[in-house]
Amino acid sequence: MNQLSFGDLIQAANAVENMPLVERRDLLLAAASTLLQLKEDFREMGAPPFDAIAELHCELTAIAQNIFTTDDSSVSSAFLKAAEIIMNMRAALD
């Protein structure tokens, strides 16, 4: 699965209401995967662990697993949190 960008996640957060549930789930899992890849990139650079990644990864995965009962605002909020962390991590890698 391709890594998601900050812009991808902002766009997803803004489109949640019109997004099919399966697409929401797939994007949440892609965001979780992107976070894990960035965490690995940080580890390879010898950087200290980024604690927020593990917490957000769990949150994204839980929402994806319960996508049929999760409200739009929770999904949108998860996308925005992921976007913020991904933006901060990519900036730190540059």
C-alpha atoms as a PDB file:
ATOM      1  CA  MET A   1       0.000   0.000   0.000  1.00  0.00           C
ATOM      2  CA  ASN A   2       1.331   3.461  -0.854  1.00  0.00           C
ATOM      3  CA  GLN A   3       2.289   5.879   1.869  1.00  0.00           C
ATOM      4  CA  LEU A   4      -0.169   8.697   2.401  1.00  0.00           C
ATOM      5  CA  SER A   5       0.814  12.330   2.433  1.00  0.00           C
ATOM      6  CA  PHE A   6      -0.368  15.151   4.649  1.00  0.00           C
ATOM      7  CA  GLY A   7      -2.536  16.365   1.748  1.00  0.00           C
ATOM      8  CA  ASP A   8      -4.069  12.914   1.207  1.00  0.00           C
ATOM      9  CA  LEU A   9      -5.180  12.808   4.837  1.00  0.00           C
ATOM     10  CA  ILE A  10      -6.540  16.356   4.880  1.00  0.00           C
ATOM     11  CA  GLN A  11      -8.510  15.579   1.729  1.00  0.00           C
ATOM     12  CA  ALA A  12      -9.837  12.375   3.325  1.00  0.00           C
ATOM     13  CA  ALA A  13     -10.831  14.230   6.502  1.00  0.00           C
ATOM     14  CA  ASN A  14     -12.813  16.731   4.445  1.00  0.00           C
ATOM     15  CA  ALA A  15     -14.531  14.046   2.356  1.00  0.00           C
ATOM     16  CA  VAL A  16     -15.558  11.604   5.105  1.00  0.00           C
ATOM     17  CA  GLU A  17     -19.291  12.290   4.802  1.00  0.00           C
ATOM     18  CA  ASN A  18     -19.331  11.255   1.139  1.00  0.00           C
ATOM     19  CA  MET A  19     -16.804   8.437   1.409  1.00  0.00           C
ATOM     20  CA  PRO A  20     -17.906   4.784   1.269  1.00  0.00           C
ATOM     21  CA  LEU A  21     -17.205   2.874   4.490  1.00  0.00           C
ATOM     22  CA  VAL A  22     -14.799   0.465   2.825  1.00  0.00           C
ATOM     23  CA  GLU A  23     -12.764   3.382   1.437  1.00  0.00           C
ATOM     24  CA  ARG A  24     -12.663   4.958   4.910  1.00  0.00           C
ATOM     25  CA  ARG A  25     -11.401   1.705   6.357  1.00  0.00           C
ATOM     26  CA  ASP A  26      -8.764   1.295   3.662  1.00  0.00           C
ATOM     27  CA  LEU A  27      -7.511   4.864   4.133  1.00  0.00           C
ATOM     28  CA  LEU A  28      -7.349   4.443   7.910  1.00  0.00           C
ATOM     29  CA  LEU A  29      -5.274   1.297   7.488  1.00  0.00           C
ATOM     30  CA  ALA A  30      -3.048   3.047   4.933  1.00  0.00           C
ATOM     31  CA  ALA A  31      -2.512   5.896   7.400  1.00  0.00           C
ATOM     32  CA  ALA A  32      -1.585   3.376  10.105  1.00  0.00           C
ATOM     33  CA  SER A  33       0.851   1.717   7.694  1.00  0.00           C
ATOM     34  CA  THR A  34       2.383   5.083   6.791  1.00  0.00           C
ATOM     35  CA  LEU A  35       2.937   5.821  10.474  1.00  0.00           C
ATOM     36  CA  LEU A  36       4.700   2.503  10.981  1.00  0.00           C
ATOM     37  CA  GLN A  37       6.960   3.127   7.994  1.00  0.00           C
ATOM     38  CA  LEU A  38       7.892   6.571   9.295  1.00  0.00           C
ATOM     39  CA  LYS A  39       8.541   5.076  12.725  1.00  0.00           C
ATOM     40  CA  GLU A  40      10.919   2.597  11.081  1.00  0.00           C
ATOM     41  CA  ASP A  41      12.635   5.424   9.182  1.00  0.00           C
ATOM     42  CA  PHE A  42      13.168   7.260  12.465  1.00  0.00           C
ATOM     43  CA  ARG A  43      14.528   4.132  14.146  1.00  0.00           C
ATOM     44  CA  GLU A  44      17.011   3.590  11.319  1.00  0.00           C
ATOM     45  CA  MET A  45      18.255   7.158  11.803  1.00  0.00           C
ATOM     46  CA  GLY A  46      18.823   6.487  15.498  1.00  0.00           C
ATOM     47  CA  ALA A  47      16.118   8.915  16.557  1.00  0.00           C
ATOM     48  CA  PRO A  48      14.260   8.368  19.837  1.00  0.00           C
ATOM     49  CA  PRO A  49      10.857   6.658  19.651  1.00  0.00           C
ATOM     50  CA  PHE A  50       7.923   8.843  18.685  1.00  0.00           C
ATOM     51  CA  ASP A  51       5.388   7.805  21.380  1.00  0.00           C
ATOM     52  CA  ALA A  52       2.392   9.323  19.622  1.00  0.00           C
ATOM     53  CA  ILE A  53       2.803   6.865  16.742  1.00  0.00           C
ATOM     54  CA  ALA A  54       1.926   3.769  18.740  1.00  0.00           C
ATOM     55  CA  GLU A  55      -1.102   5.443  20.281  1.00  0.00           C
ATOM     56  CA  LEU A  56      -2.399   6.771  16.982  1.00  0.00           C
ATOM     57  CA  HIS A  57      -1.672   3.492  15.195  1.00  0.00           C
ATOM     58  CA  CYS A  58      -3.887   1.709  17.752  1.00  0.00           C
ATOM     59  CA  GLU A  59      -6.603   4.350  17.385  1.00  0.00           C
ATOM     60  CA  LEU A  60      -6.592   4.180  13.571  1.00  0.00           C
ATOM     61  CA  THR A  61      -6.692   0.390  13.608  1.00  0.00           C
ATOM     62  CA  ALA A  62      -9.534   0.308  16.139  1.00  0.00           C
ATOM     63  CA  ILE A  63     -11.595   2.778  14.125  1.00  0.00           C
ATOM     64  CA  ALA A  64     -10.946   0.783  10.942  1.00  0.00           C
ATOM     65  CA  GLN A  65     -12.058  -2.426  12.671  1.00  0.00           C
ATOM     66  CA  ASN A  66     -15.257  -0.745  13.865  1.00  0.00           C
ATOM     67  CA  ILE A  67     -15.876   1.349  10.752  1.00  0.00           C
ATOM     68  CA  PHE A  68     -19.543   0.360  10.503  1.00  0.00           C
ATOM     69  CA  THR A  69     -20.320   1.830  13.931  1.00  0.00           C
ATOM     70  CA  THR A  70     -17.909   4.765  14.027  1.00  0.00           C
ATOM     71  CA  ASP A  71     -19.330   8.240  13.460  1.00  0.00           C
ATOM     72  CA  ASP A  72     -18.058  10.600  10.752  1.00  0.00           C
ATOM     73  CA  SER A  73     -16.480  13.052  13.181  1.00  0.00           C
ATOM     74  CA  SER A  74     -14.337  10.337  14.803  1.00  0.00           C
ATOM     75  CA  VAL A  75     -13.058   9.212  11.413  1.00  0.00           C
ATOM     76  CA  SER A  76     -12.361  12.781  10.308  1.00  0.00           C
ATOM     77  CA  SER A  77     -10.571  13.523  13.574  1.00  0.00           C
ATOM     78  CA  ALA A  78      -8.398  10.411  13.183  1.00  0.00           C
ATOM     79  CA  PHE A  79      -7.388  11.499   9.676  1.00  0.00           C
ATOM     80  CA  LEU A  80      -6.466  14.968  10.959  1.00  0.00           C
ATOM     81  CA  LYS A  81      -4.391  13.538  13.835  1.00  0.00           C
ATOM     82  CA  ALA A  82      -2.553  11.270  11.413  1.00  0.00           C
ATOM     83  CA  ALA A  83      -1.958  14.189   9.039  1.00  0.00           C
ATOM     84  CA  GLU A  84      -0.451  16.285  11.823  1.00  0.00           C
ATOM     85  CA  ILE A  85       1.887  13.558  13.031  1.00  0.00           C
ATOM     86  CA  ILE A  86       2.922  12.591   9.505  1.00  0.00           C
ATOM     87  CA  MET A  87       3.619  16.234   8.650  1.00  0.00           C
ATOM     88  CA  ASN A  88       5.740  16.665  11.788  1.00  0.00           C
ATOM     89  CA  MET A  89       7.645  13.445  11.253  1.00  0.00           C
ATOM     90  CA  ARG A  90       8.382  14.107   7.596  1.00  0.00           C
ATOM     91  CA  ALA A  91       9.586  17.606   8.488  1.00  0.00           C
ATOM     92  CA  ALA A  92      11.919  16.089  11.076  1.00  0.00           C
ATOM     93  CA  LEU A  93      13.271  13.633   8.496  1.00  0.00           C
ATOM     94  CA  ASP A  94      14.096  16.437   6.026  1.00  0.00           C
END
